[in-house]
N, C-alpha and C. Protein backbone atom coordinates (compact mmCIF):
# COMPACT_ATOMS: atom_id res chain seq x y z
N MET A 1 -21.94 -5.62 -167.26
CA MET A 1 -20.89 -6.55 -166.90
C MET A 1 -19.55 -5.86 -167.14
N GLU A 2 -18.66 -6.03 -166.20
CA GLU A 2 -17.31 -5.49 -166.34
C GLU A 2 -16.38 -6.62 -166.78
N LEU A 3 -15.74 -6.42 -167.93
CA LEU A 3 -14.82 -7.42 -168.45
C LEU A 3 -13.40 -7.14 -167.98
N PRO A 4 -12.61 -8.19 -167.76
CA PRO A 4 -11.19 -7.95 -167.48
C PRO A 4 -10.50 -7.42 -168.73
N LYS A 5 -9.35 -6.79 -168.54
CA LYS A 5 -8.62 -6.21 -169.66
C LYS A 5 -8.17 -7.28 -170.64
N PHE A 6 -7.75 -8.44 -170.15
CA PHE A 6 -7.30 -9.55 -170.98
C PHE A 6 -8.07 -10.82 -170.63
N ILE A 7 -8.32 -11.64 -171.66
CA ILE A 7 -8.98 -12.94 -171.49
C ILE A 7 -8.20 -13.96 -172.30
N LEU A 8 -7.98 -15.16 -171.73
CA LEU A 8 -7.35 -16.25 -172.49
C LEU A 8 -8.40 -16.95 -173.33
N GLY A 9 -8.00 -17.41 -174.51
CA GLY A 9 -8.90 -18.15 -175.37
C GLY A 9 -8.18 -19.29 -176.05
N ASP A 10 -8.92 -20.35 -176.35
CA ASP A 10 -8.33 -21.45 -177.10
C ASP A 10 -9.37 -22.01 -178.06
N ASN A 11 -8.91 -22.86 -178.96
CA ASN A 11 -9.78 -23.46 -179.95
C ASN A 11 -9.15 -24.77 -180.38
N THR A 12 -9.91 -25.84 -180.29
CA THR A 12 -9.34 -27.16 -180.62
C THR A 12 -9.00 -27.31 -182.10
N ASP A 13 -9.53 -26.43 -182.95
CA ASP A 13 -9.14 -26.46 -184.36
C ASP A 13 -7.72 -25.97 -184.56
N LEU A 14 -7.21 -25.20 -183.61
CA LEU A 14 -5.85 -24.67 -183.66
C LEU A 14 -5.16 -25.03 -182.34
N PRO A 15 -4.78 -26.29 -182.16
CA PRO A 15 -4.32 -26.75 -180.84
C PRO A 15 -3.03 -26.09 -180.34
N ASN A 16 -2.21 -25.54 -181.22
CA ASN A 16 -0.97 -24.90 -180.78
C ASN A 16 -1.12 -23.41 -180.53
N ALA A 17 -2.26 -22.85 -180.89
CA ALA A 17 -2.48 -21.42 -180.74
C ALA A 17 -2.72 -21.07 -179.27
N ILE A 18 -2.22 -19.90 -178.89
CA ILE A 18 -2.43 -19.35 -177.55
C ILE A 18 -3.02 -17.96 -177.76
N PHE A 19 -4.33 -17.83 -177.58
CA PHE A 19 -5.00 -16.56 -177.84
C PHE A 19 -5.15 -15.75 -176.57
N VAL A 20 -4.85 -14.47 -176.68
CA VAL A 20 -5.15 -13.51 -175.62
C VAL A 20 -6.02 -12.44 -176.25
N ILE A 21 -7.17 -12.17 -175.63
CA ILE A 21 -8.11 -11.18 -176.13
C ILE A 21 -7.99 -9.93 -175.27
N HIS A 22 -7.75 -8.79 -175.92
CA HIS A 22 -7.67 -7.50 -175.24
C HIS A 22 -9.03 -6.84 -175.41
N THR A 23 -9.72 -6.55 -174.31
CA THR A 23 -11.11 -6.11 -174.36
C THR A 23 -11.30 -4.59 -174.34
N GLU A 24 -10.23 -3.84 -174.17
CA GLU A 24 -10.32 -2.38 -174.14
C GLU A 24 -9.82 -1.82 -175.47
N PHE A 25 -10.12 -0.53 -175.73
CA PHE A 25 -9.64 0.08 -176.97
C PHE A 25 -8.13 0.18 -176.95
N PRO A 26 -7.50 -0.22 -177.98
CA PRO A 26 -8.00 -0.86 -179.19
C PRO A 26 -8.14 -2.36 -178.96
N ARG A 27 -9.33 -2.89 -179.20
CA ARG A 27 -9.59 -4.31 -178.96
C ARG A 27 -8.89 -5.15 -180.02
N PHE A 28 -8.30 -6.26 -179.57
CA PHE A 28 -7.63 -7.16 -180.50
C PHE A 28 -7.52 -8.55 -179.89
N ILE A 29 -7.19 -9.50 -180.76
CA ILE A 29 -6.85 -10.86 -180.35
C ILE A 29 -5.45 -11.12 -180.87
N ILE A 30 -4.58 -11.60 -180.01
CA ILE A 30 -3.23 -11.95 -180.42
C ILE A 30 -3.03 -13.44 -180.22
N ASN A 31 -2.40 -14.07 -181.19
CA ASN A 31 -2.00 -15.46 -181.07
C ASN A 31 -0.53 -15.42 -180.65
N LEU A 32 -0.24 -15.77 -179.40
CA LEU A 32 1.12 -15.69 -178.90
C LEU A 32 2.05 -16.73 -179.52
N GLU A 33 1.47 -17.71 -180.19
CA GLU A 33 2.29 -18.70 -180.88
C GLU A 33 3.12 -18.04 -181.98
N ASP A 34 2.51 -17.11 -182.72
CA ASP A 34 3.21 -16.48 -183.84
C ASP A 34 3.10 -14.95 -183.84
N ASP A 35 2.56 -14.37 -182.76
CA ASP A 35 2.38 -12.92 -182.60
C ASP A 35 1.49 -12.31 -183.68
N ASP A 36 0.62 -13.10 -184.27
CA ASP A 36 -0.34 -12.59 -185.25
C ASP A 36 -1.44 -11.86 -184.48
N VAL A 37 -1.75 -10.63 -184.92
CA VAL A 37 -2.75 -9.79 -184.25
C VAL A 37 -3.93 -9.57 -185.18
N GLU A 38 -5.12 -9.76 -184.64
CA GLU A 38 -6.36 -9.47 -185.36
C GLU A 38 -7.05 -8.32 -184.62
N TRP A 39 -7.15 -7.18 -185.28
CA TRP A 39 -7.77 -6.00 -184.67
C TRP A 39 -9.28 -6.11 -184.78
N LEU A 40 -9.98 -5.74 -183.72
CA LEU A 40 -11.44 -5.78 -183.68
C LEU A 40 -12.02 -4.37 -183.77
N GLU A 41 -11.24 -3.45 -184.29
CA GLU A 41 -11.63 -2.05 -184.42
C GLU A 41 -11.38 -1.60 -185.86
N ASP A 42 -12.10 -0.58 -186.26
CA ASP A 42 -11.80 0.14 -187.49
C ASP A 42 -11.07 1.41 -187.09
N PHE A 43 -9.97 1.72 -187.76
CA PHE A 43 -9.14 2.85 -187.37
C PHE A 43 -9.15 3.94 -188.42
N ASP A 44 -9.21 5.19 -187.94
CA ASP A 44 -9.01 6.31 -188.85
C ASP A 44 -7.53 6.73 -188.74
N ALA A 45 -7.13 7.75 -189.47
CA ALA A 45 -5.72 8.17 -189.49
C ALA A 45 -5.22 8.56 -188.10
N HIS A 46 -6.05 9.25 -187.33
CA HIS A 46 -5.66 9.65 -185.97
C HIS A 46 -5.45 8.43 -185.08
N ASP A 47 -6.37 7.47 -185.16
CA ASP A 47 -6.26 6.25 -184.36
C ASP A 47 -5.00 5.47 -184.72
N GLN A 48 -4.64 5.44 -185.99
CA GLN A 48 -3.47 4.68 -186.42
C GLN A 48 -2.20 5.21 -185.78
N LYS A 49 -2.09 6.52 -185.63
CA LYS A 49 -0.91 7.09 -184.97
C LYS A 49 -0.85 6.63 -183.51
N GLN A 50 -1.99 6.68 -182.83
CA GLN A 50 -2.05 6.23 -181.45
C GLN A 50 -1.77 4.73 -181.36
N LEU A 51 -2.30 3.98 -182.29
CA LEU A 51 -2.14 2.54 -182.32
C LEU A 51 -0.67 2.14 -182.43
N ILE A 52 0.05 2.80 -183.30
CA ILE A 52 1.47 2.49 -183.50
C ILE A 52 2.24 2.68 -182.20
N SER A 53 1.94 3.75 -181.48
CA SER A 53 2.68 4.02 -180.24
C SER A 53 2.30 3.05 -179.12
N GLU A 54 1.08 2.51 -179.14
CA GLU A 54 0.62 1.64 -178.06
C GLU A 54 0.79 0.15 -178.33
N THR A 55 0.93 -0.24 -179.57
CA THR A 55 0.90 -1.66 -179.93
C THR A 55 1.97 -2.48 -179.22
N GLU A 56 3.18 -2.03 -179.24
CA GLU A 56 4.26 -2.80 -178.61
C GLU A 56 3.99 -3.01 -177.13
N GLN A 57 3.56 -1.96 -176.44
CA GLN A 57 3.27 -2.07 -175.01
C GLN A 57 2.11 -3.03 -174.75
N LEU A 58 1.05 -2.96 -175.56
CA LEU A 58 -0.10 -3.84 -175.37
C LEU A 58 0.27 -5.30 -175.60
N ILE A 59 1.11 -5.58 -176.58
CA ILE A 59 1.53 -6.95 -176.84
C ILE A 59 2.39 -7.47 -175.69
N GLN A 60 3.24 -6.62 -175.14
CA GLN A 60 4.02 -7.02 -173.97
C GLN A 60 3.10 -7.33 -172.78
N GLU A 61 2.09 -6.48 -172.59
CA GLU A 61 1.14 -6.71 -171.50
C GLU A 61 0.37 -8.02 -171.71
N ALA A 62 -0.01 -8.32 -172.94
CA ALA A 62 -0.71 -9.58 -173.24
C ALA A 62 0.18 -10.77 -172.91
N SER A 63 1.45 -10.69 -173.26
CA SER A 63 2.39 -11.78 -172.97
C SER A 63 2.58 -11.94 -171.47
N GLN A 64 2.70 -10.84 -170.75
CA GLN A 64 2.85 -10.89 -169.29
C GLN A 64 1.60 -11.47 -168.63
N PHE A 65 0.43 -11.10 -169.14
CA PHE A 65 -0.82 -11.65 -168.63
C PHE A 65 -0.82 -13.17 -168.80
N TYR A 66 -0.46 -13.65 -169.99
CA TYR A 66 -0.43 -15.08 -170.24
C TYR A 66 0.53 -15.77 -169.28
N ASP A 67 1.74 -15.25 -169.14
CA ASP A 67 2.73 -15.85 -168.24
C ASP A 67 2.20 -15.91 -166.81
N ARG A 68 1.54 -14.84 -166.36
CA ARG A 68 0.98 -14.80 -165.01
C ARG A 68 -0.11 -15.86 -164.84
N GLU A 69 -0.99 -15.98 -165.84
CA GLU A 69 -2.07 -16.96 -165.75
C GLU A 69 -1.53 -18.38 -165.73
N VAL A 70 -0.56 -18.68 -166.56
CA VAL A 70 0.02 -20.02 -166.60
C VAL A 70 0.70 -20.33 -165.27
N ALA A 71 1.39 -19.36 -164.69
CA ALA A 71 2.03 -19.57 -163.40
C ALA A 71 0.99 -19.87 -162.32
N ARG A 72 -0.16 -19.22 -162.39
CA ARG A 72 -1.23 -19.48 -161.41
C ARG A 72 -1.80 -20.88 -161.57
N TYR A 73 -1.91 -21.36 -162.82
CA TYR A 73 -2.38 -22.73 -163.04
C TYR A 73 -1.39 -23.74 -162.49
N ASP A 74 -0.10 -23.45 -162.63
CA ASP A 74 0.94 -24.36 -162.18
C ASP A 74 0.95 -24.48 -160.66
N ASN A 75 0.51 -23.43 -159.97
CA ASN A 75 0.49 -23.46 -158.51
C ASN A 75 -0.75 -24.18 -158.07
């Protein structure tokens, strides 16, 4: 199965949370309500350097994905 790069998620226990799941390395879940990120990977020192340089871009992409999806629902 081929997964999309981003997936929206929700949970009725956290009704204000807006979750975006990033399915590629480095995999993570971000709550756009408060920008809290939960990493689904274990990182070594080399990965951490790469992670720092990519994190800001990935979070921007997650936010853009959410905005695009919401706009599609509105149409």
